[in-house]
N, C-alpha and C. Protein backbone atom coordinates (compact mmCIF):
# COMPACT_ATOMS: atom_id res chain seq x y z
N MET A 1 43.51 12.75 -29.34
CA MET A 1 42.68 13.89 -29.06
C MET A 1 42.82 14.25 -27.59
N LYS A 2 43.06 15.50 -27.33
CA LYS A 2 43.28 16.00 -25.99
C LYS A 2 41.95 16.53 -25.44
N SER A 3 41.60 16.12 -24.20
CA SER A 3 40.32 16.59 -23.62
C SER A 3 40.54 17.89 -22.87
N SER A 4 39.60 18.73 -23.00
CA SER A 4 39.66 20.04 -22.36
C SER A 4 39.05 19.94 -20.96
N PRO A 5 39.62 20.63 -19.95
CA PRO A 5 39.03 20.60 -18.61
C PRO A 5 37.61 21.19 -18.60
N HIS A 6 37.36 22.13 -19.48
CA HIS A 6 36.03 22.73 -19.55
C HIS A 6 35.00 21.74 -20.08
N LEU A 7 35.42 20.93 -21.04
CA LEU A 7 34.52 19.93 -21.60
C LEU A 7 34.15 18.88 -20.55
N VAL A 8 35.12 18.44 -19.77
CA VAL A 8 34.89 17.47 -18.70
C VAL A 8 33.93 18.06 -17.66
N LEU A 9 34.12 19.31 -17.31
CA LEU A 9 33.25 19.98 -16.35
C LEU A 9 31.82 20.07 -16.87
N ILE A 10 31.67 20.42 -18.12
CA ILE A 10 30.33 20.53 -18.72
C ILE A 10 29.64 19.17 -18.75
N LEU A 11 30.38 18.12 -19.10
CA LEU A 11 29.79 16.78 -19.13
C LEU A 11 29.37 16.32 -17.74
N CYS A 12 30.16 16.63 -16.72
CA CYS A 12 29.82 16.25 -15.34
C CYS A 12 28.57 17.00 -14.88
N LEU A 13 28.49 18.29 -15.18
CA LEU A 13 27.31 19.07 -14.80
C LEU A 13 26.05 18.57 -15.52
N GLN A 14 26.19 18.21 -16.76
CA GLN A 14 25.06 17.70 -17.52
C GLN A 14 24.59 16.36 -16.93
N ALA A 15 25.51 15.48 -16.57
CA ALA A 15 25.16 14.20 -15.97
C ALA A 15 24.44 14.40 -14.63
N ALA A 16 24.92 15.36 -13.82
CA ALA A 16 24.27 15.65 -12.54
C ALA A 16 22.86 16.18 -12.75
N LEU A 17 22.66 16.99 -13.76
CA LEU A 17 21.34 17.54 -14.06
C LEU A 17 20.37 16.43 -14.47
N VAL A 18 20.82 15.53 -15.31
CA VAL A 18 19.97 14.41 -15.76
C VAL A 18 19.62 13.51 -14.57
N MET A 19 20.58 13.22 -13.70
CA MET A 19 20.32 12.39 -12.52
C MET A 19 19.32 13.07 -11.60
N GLY A 20 19.41 14.37 -11.45
CA GLY A 20 18.47 15.11 -10.61
C GLY A 20 17.06 15.05 -11.15
N VAL A 21 16.91 15.14 -12.45
CA VAL A 21 15.58 15.04 -13.07
C VAL A 21 14.99 13.65 -12.82
N PHE A 22 15.78 12.60 -13.02
CA PHE A 22 15.29 11.25 -12.78
C PHE A 22 14.93 11.03 -11.31
N ALA A 23 15.70 11.57 -10.39
CA ALA A 23 15.41 11.44 -8.96
C ALA A 23 14.10 12.13 -8.61
N ALA A 24 13.86 13.30 -9.18
CA ALA A 24 12.61 14.03 -8.91
C ALA A 24 11.41 13.27 -9.45
N LEU A 25 11.54 12.68 -10.63
CA LEU A 25 10.44 11.89 -11.20
C LEU A 25 10.16 10.64 -10.36
N ALA A 26 11.20 9.98 -9.88
CA ALA A 26 11.01 8.80 -9.05
C ALA A 26 10.31 9.15 -7.75
N LYS A 27 10.67 10.28 -7.15
CA LYS A 27 10.03 10.71 -5.91
C LYS A 27 8.56 11.02 -6.14
N GLU A 28 8.24 11.67 -7.24
CA GLU A 28 6.85 12.01 -7.55
C GLU A 28 6.02 10.75 -7.78
N ASN A 29 6.58 9.76 -8.48
CA ASN A 29 5.87 8.51 -8.70
C ASN A 29 5.63 7.77 -7.40
N ALA A 30 6.58 7.78 -6.48
CA ALA A 30 6.41 7.12 -5.18
C ALA A 30 5.30 7.78 -4.38
N MET A 31 5.20 9.09 -4.45
CA MET A 31 4.14 9.79 -3.71
C MET A 31 2.77 9.47 -4.29
N VAL A 32 2.66 9.36 -5.59
CA VAL A 32 1.38 9.02 -6.23
C VAL A 32 0.97 7.61 -5.87
N GLU A 33 1.90 6.66 -5.88
CA GLU A 33 1.58 5.29 -5.54
C GLU A 33 1.15 5.14 -4.09
N SER A 34 1.75 5.87 -3.16
CA SER A 34 1.36 5.74 -1.77
C SER A 34 -0.03 6.33 -1.53
N LYS A 35 -0.44 7.31 -2.34
CA LYS A 35 -1.78 7.87 -2.21
C LYS A 35 -2.82 6.97 -2.87
N ALA A 36 -2.41 6.13 -3.81
CA ALA A 36 -3.34 5.27 -4.51
C ALA A 36 -3.88 4.17 -3.59
N ILE A 37 -3.10 3.74 -2.63
CA ILE A 37 -3.53 2.71 -1.69
C ILE A 37 -3.70 3.36 -0.33
N ASP A 38 -4.92 3.31 0.19
CA ASP A 38 -5.18 3.87 1.51
C ASP A 38 -4.84 2.80 2.55
N ILE A 39 -3.71 2.96 3.20
CA ILE A 39 -3.22 1.95 4.13
C ILE A 39 -3.70 2.25 5.55
N ASN A 40 -4.32 1.26 6.17
CA ASN A 40 -4.76 1.37 7.55
C ASN A 40 -3.56 1.04 8.44
N PRO A 41 -3.13 1.96 9.31
CA PRO A 41 -1.95 1.71 10.14
C PRO A 41 -2.22 0.75 11.30
N GLY A 42 -3.47 0.40 11.53
CA GLY A 42 -3.83 -0.47 12.64
C GLY A 42 -3.46 -1.92 12.39
N GLN A 43 -3.85 -2.78 13.33
CA GLN A 43 -3.58 -4.22 13.24
C GLN A 43 -4.85 -4.96 13.64
N LEU A 44 -5.29 -5.91 12.82
CA LEU A 44 -6.46 -6.72 13.15
C LEU A 44 -6.13 -7.66 14.29
N LYS A 45 -7.14 -7.95 15.12
CA LYS A 45 -6.93 -8.90 16.22
C LYS A 45 -6.61 -10.29 15.69
N CYS A 46 -7.34 -10.69 14.63
CA CYS A 46 -7.12 -12.01 14.05
C CYS A 46 -7.61 -12.02 12.60
N CYS A 47 -7.09 -12.97 11.82
CA CYS A 47 -7.50 -13.11 10.42
C CYS A 47 -7.21 -14.53 9.96
N THR A 48 -8.26 -15.23 9.52
CA THR A 48 -8.10 -16.60 9.05
C THR A 48 -7.77 -16.64 7.56
N ASN A 49 -8.45 -15.82 6.77
CA ASN A 49 -8.25 -15.79 5.31
C ASN A 49 -7.44 -14.56 4.92
N CYS A 50 -6.15 -14.63 5.13
CA CYS A 50 -5.27 -13.49 4.92
C CYS A 50 -4.65 -13.52 3.53
N ASN A 51 -4.69 -12.38 2.85
CA ASN A 51 -4.04 -12.23 1.54
C ASN A 51 -2.82 -11.35 1.73
N PHE A 52 -1.67 -11.98 1.88
CA PHE A 52 -0.42 -11.26 2.14
C PHE A 52 0.36 -11.13 0.84
N SER A 53 0.93 -9.97 0.59
CA SER A 53 1.78 -9.78 -0.58
C SER A 53 3.20 -9.50 -0.11
N PHE A 54 4.16 -9.72 -0.98
CA PHE A 54 5.56 -9.52 -0.63
C PHE A 54 5.92 -8.04 -0.47
N SER A 55 4.98 -7.15 -0.80
CA SER A 55 5.23 -5.73 -0.60
C SER A 55 5.04 -5.34 0.86
N GLY A 56 4.56 -6.28 1.69
CA GLY A 56 4.33 -5.98 3.10
C GLY A 56 2.91 -5.54 3.38
N LEU A 57 2.03 -5.61 2.39
CA LEU A 57 0.64 -5.24 2.56
C LEU A 57 -0.22 -6.49 2.61
N TYR A 58 -1.34 -6.42 3.34
CA TYR A 58 -2.26 -7.54 3.36
C TYR A 58 -3.69 -7.07 3.54
N THR A 59 -4.61 -7.92 3.10
CA THR A 59 -6.04 -7.72 3.32
C THR A 59 -6.57 -9.00 3.95
N CYS A 60 -7.70 -8.88 4.63
CA CYS A 60 -8.31 -10.03 5.29
C CYS A 60 -9.68 -10.29 4.66
N ASP A 61 -9.91 -11.51 4.18
CA ASP A 61 -11.18 -11.86 3.54
C ASP A 61 -12.14 -12.57 4.48
N ASP A 62 -11.93 -12.48 5.78
CA ASP A 62 -12.85 -13.09 6.73
C ASP A 62 -14.22 -12.42 6.66
N VAL A 63 -15.27 -13.23 6.73
CA VAL A 63 -16.64 -12.73 6.78
C VAL A 63 -17.17 -13.04 8.17
N LYS A 64 -17.55 -11.98 8.90
CA LYS A 64 -17.95 -12.13 10.31
C LYS A 64 -19.25 -11.39 10.57
N LYS A 65 -19.78 -11.59 11.79
CA LYS A 65 -21.02 -10.88 12.13
C LYS A 65 -20.80 -9.39 12.34
N ASP A 66 -19.57 -8.98 12.62
CA ASP A 66 -19.22 -7.56 12.70
C ASP A 66 -17.73 -7.40 12.42
N CYS A 67 -17.35 -6.20 12.02
CA CYS A 67 -15.94 -5.94 11.70
C CYS A 67 -15.13 -5.61 12.94
N ASP A 68 -13.84 -5.81 12.83
CA ASP A 68 -12.90 -5.43 13.88
C ASP A 68 -12.99 -3.93 14.11
N PRO A 69 -12.89 -3.45 15.35
CA PRO A 69 -12.98 -2.01 15.62
C PRO A 69 -11.94 -1.16 14.88
N VAL A 70 -10.80 -1.73 14.51
CA VAL A 70 -9.76 -0.97 13.83
C VAL A 70 -10.10 -0.76 12.34
N CYS A 71 -11.08 -1.48 11.83
CA CYS A 71 -11.46 -1.43 10.42
C CYS A 71 -12.11 -0.09 10.07
N LYS A 72 -11.66 0.52 8.95
CA LYS A 72 -12.22 1.79 8.49
C LYS A 72 -13.29 1.59 7.43
N LYS A 73 -13.15 0.55 6.59
CA LYS A 73 -14.10 0.28 5.50
C LYS A 73 -14.70 -1.11 5.69
N CYS A 74 -15.83 -1.17 6.36
CA CYS A 74 -16.53 -2.41 6.63
C CYS A 74 -17.72 -2.50 5.67
N VAL A 75 -17.79 -3.57 4.87
CA VAL A 75 -18.86 -3.71 3.89
C VAL A 75 -19.66 -4.98 4.16
N VAL A 76 -20.93 -4.96 3.74
CA VAL A 76 -21.78 -6.14 3.88
C VAL A 76 -21.32 -7.16 2.84
N ALA A 77 -20.97 -8.35 3.31
CA ALA A 77 -20.51 -9.41 2.42
C ALA A 77 -21.63 -10.39 2.11
N VAL A 78 -22.51 -10.64 3.08
CA VAL A 78 -23.63 -11.56 2.90
C VAL A 78 -24.88 -10.88 3.44
N HIS A 79 -25.86 -10.70 2.56
CA HIS A 79 -27.13 -10.09 2.98
C HIS A 79 -28.05 -11.20 3.49
N ALA A 80 -28.54 -11.03 4.70
CA ALA A 80 -29.52 -11.94 5.27
C ALA A 80 -30.85 -11.19 5.26
N SER A 81 -31.60 -11.32 4.18
CA SER A 81 -32.77 -10.47 3.95
C SER A 81 -33.86 -10.62 5.01
N TYR A 82 -34.15 -11.81 5.48
CA TYR A 82 -35.25 -11.97 6.43
C TYR A 82 -34.80 -11.93 7.88
N SER A 83 -33.70 -12.55 8.18
CA SER A 83 -33.26 -12.60 9.58
C SER A 83 -32.59 -11.31 10.03
N GLY A 84 -32.03 -10.54 9.10
CA GLY A 84 -31.33 -9.31 9.46
C GLY A 84 -29.94 -9.54 10.00
N ASN A 85 -29.47 -10.79 9.94
CA ASN A 85 -28.13 -11.12 10.43
C ASN A 85 -27.12 -11.03 9.30
N ASN A 86 -26.82 -9.84 8.85
CA ASN A 86 -25.84 -9.64 7.78
C ASN A 86 -24.45 -10.04 8.25
N LYS A 87 -23.61 -10.43 7.29
CA LYS A 87 -22.20 -10.73 7.57
C LYS A 87 -21.36 -9.65 6.90
N PHE A 88 -20.26 -9.28 7.55
CA PHE A 88 -19.45 -8.16 7.09
C PHE A 88 -18.01 -8.59 6.82
N ARG A 89 -17.34 -7.79 5.97
CA ARG A 89 -15.93 -8.01 5.65
C ARG A 89 -15.22 -6.67 5.67
N CYS A 90 -14.04 -6.62 6.27
CA CYS A 90 -13.22 -5.42 6.30
C CYS A 90 -12.42 -5.37 5.00
N THR A 91 -12.55 -4.28 4.26
CA THR A 91 -11.85 -4.16 2.97
C THR A 91 -10.60 -3.31 3.06
N ASP A 92 -10.15 -2.99 4.26
CA ASP A 92 -8.94 -2.18 4.43
C ASP A 92 -7.69 -2.95 3.98
N THR A 93 -6.67 -2.19 3.62
CA THR A 93 -5.35 -2.74 3.34
C THR A 93 -4.45 -2.37 4.50
N PHE A 94 -3.78 -3.36 5.06
CA PHE A 94 -2.94 -3.15 6.24
C PHE A 94 -1.48 -3.35 5.88
N LEU A 95 -0.62 -2.72 6.66
CA LEU A 95 0.83 -2.83 6.48
C LEU A 95 1.36 -3.74 7.58
N GLY A 96 2.13 -4.74 7.21
CA GLY A 96 2.73 -5.63 8.20
C GLY A 96 2.42 -7.08 7.91
N MET A 97 2.42 -7.87 8.96
CA MET A 97 2.16 -9.31 8.83
C MET A 97 0.74 -9.61 9.30
N CYS A 98 0.17 -10.67 8.77
CA CYS A 98 -1.17 -11.10 9.19
C CYS A 98 -1.15 -11.51 10.66
N GLY A 99 -2.23 -11.24 11.34
CA GLY A 99 -2.35 -11.60 12.75
C GLY A 99 -2.63 -13.08 12.92
N PRO A 100 -2.89 -13.53 14.14
CA PRO A 100 -3.20 -14.94 14.36
C PRO A 100 -4.54 -15.32 13.73
N LYS A 101 -4.72 -16.61 13.48
CA LYS A 101 -6.00 -17.06 12.92
C LYS A 101 -7.10 -16.93 13.98
N CYS A 102 -8.32 -16.64 13.49
CA CYS A 102 -9.47 -16.48 14.40
C CYS A 102 -9.96 -17.82 14.89
C-alpha cells in the first residue's frame, strides 16, 4: 500500500491538534492547583515541628505565645480561659526548606 503525502500531512496536523489540547488542559490544571494552596512567600525565623513535603512545601506545627510576624493565618491552638495566655500556631504553607529549630 502506497501512502499519500496528503494523508501523512493530515495525520501530522491531527497529532499536533491533539497534543495542543492536552497541553492546554495540563496548563489549566496547574493553575487550579496553585490557587488551591495559598502559599506564603515569606520565611519563618525558626520552626521546631516542621512538616516538610517533597513538593517543596512545608507547614510549622509549633505552638507559641505569638506567631511569627511573617505569618498570615495565625490561629489559637490552646485556649487559656482564666489566665488569658493563649498559645498560637501559624497555619500558613511555605515554599522552601524549614528554618532552624527554635
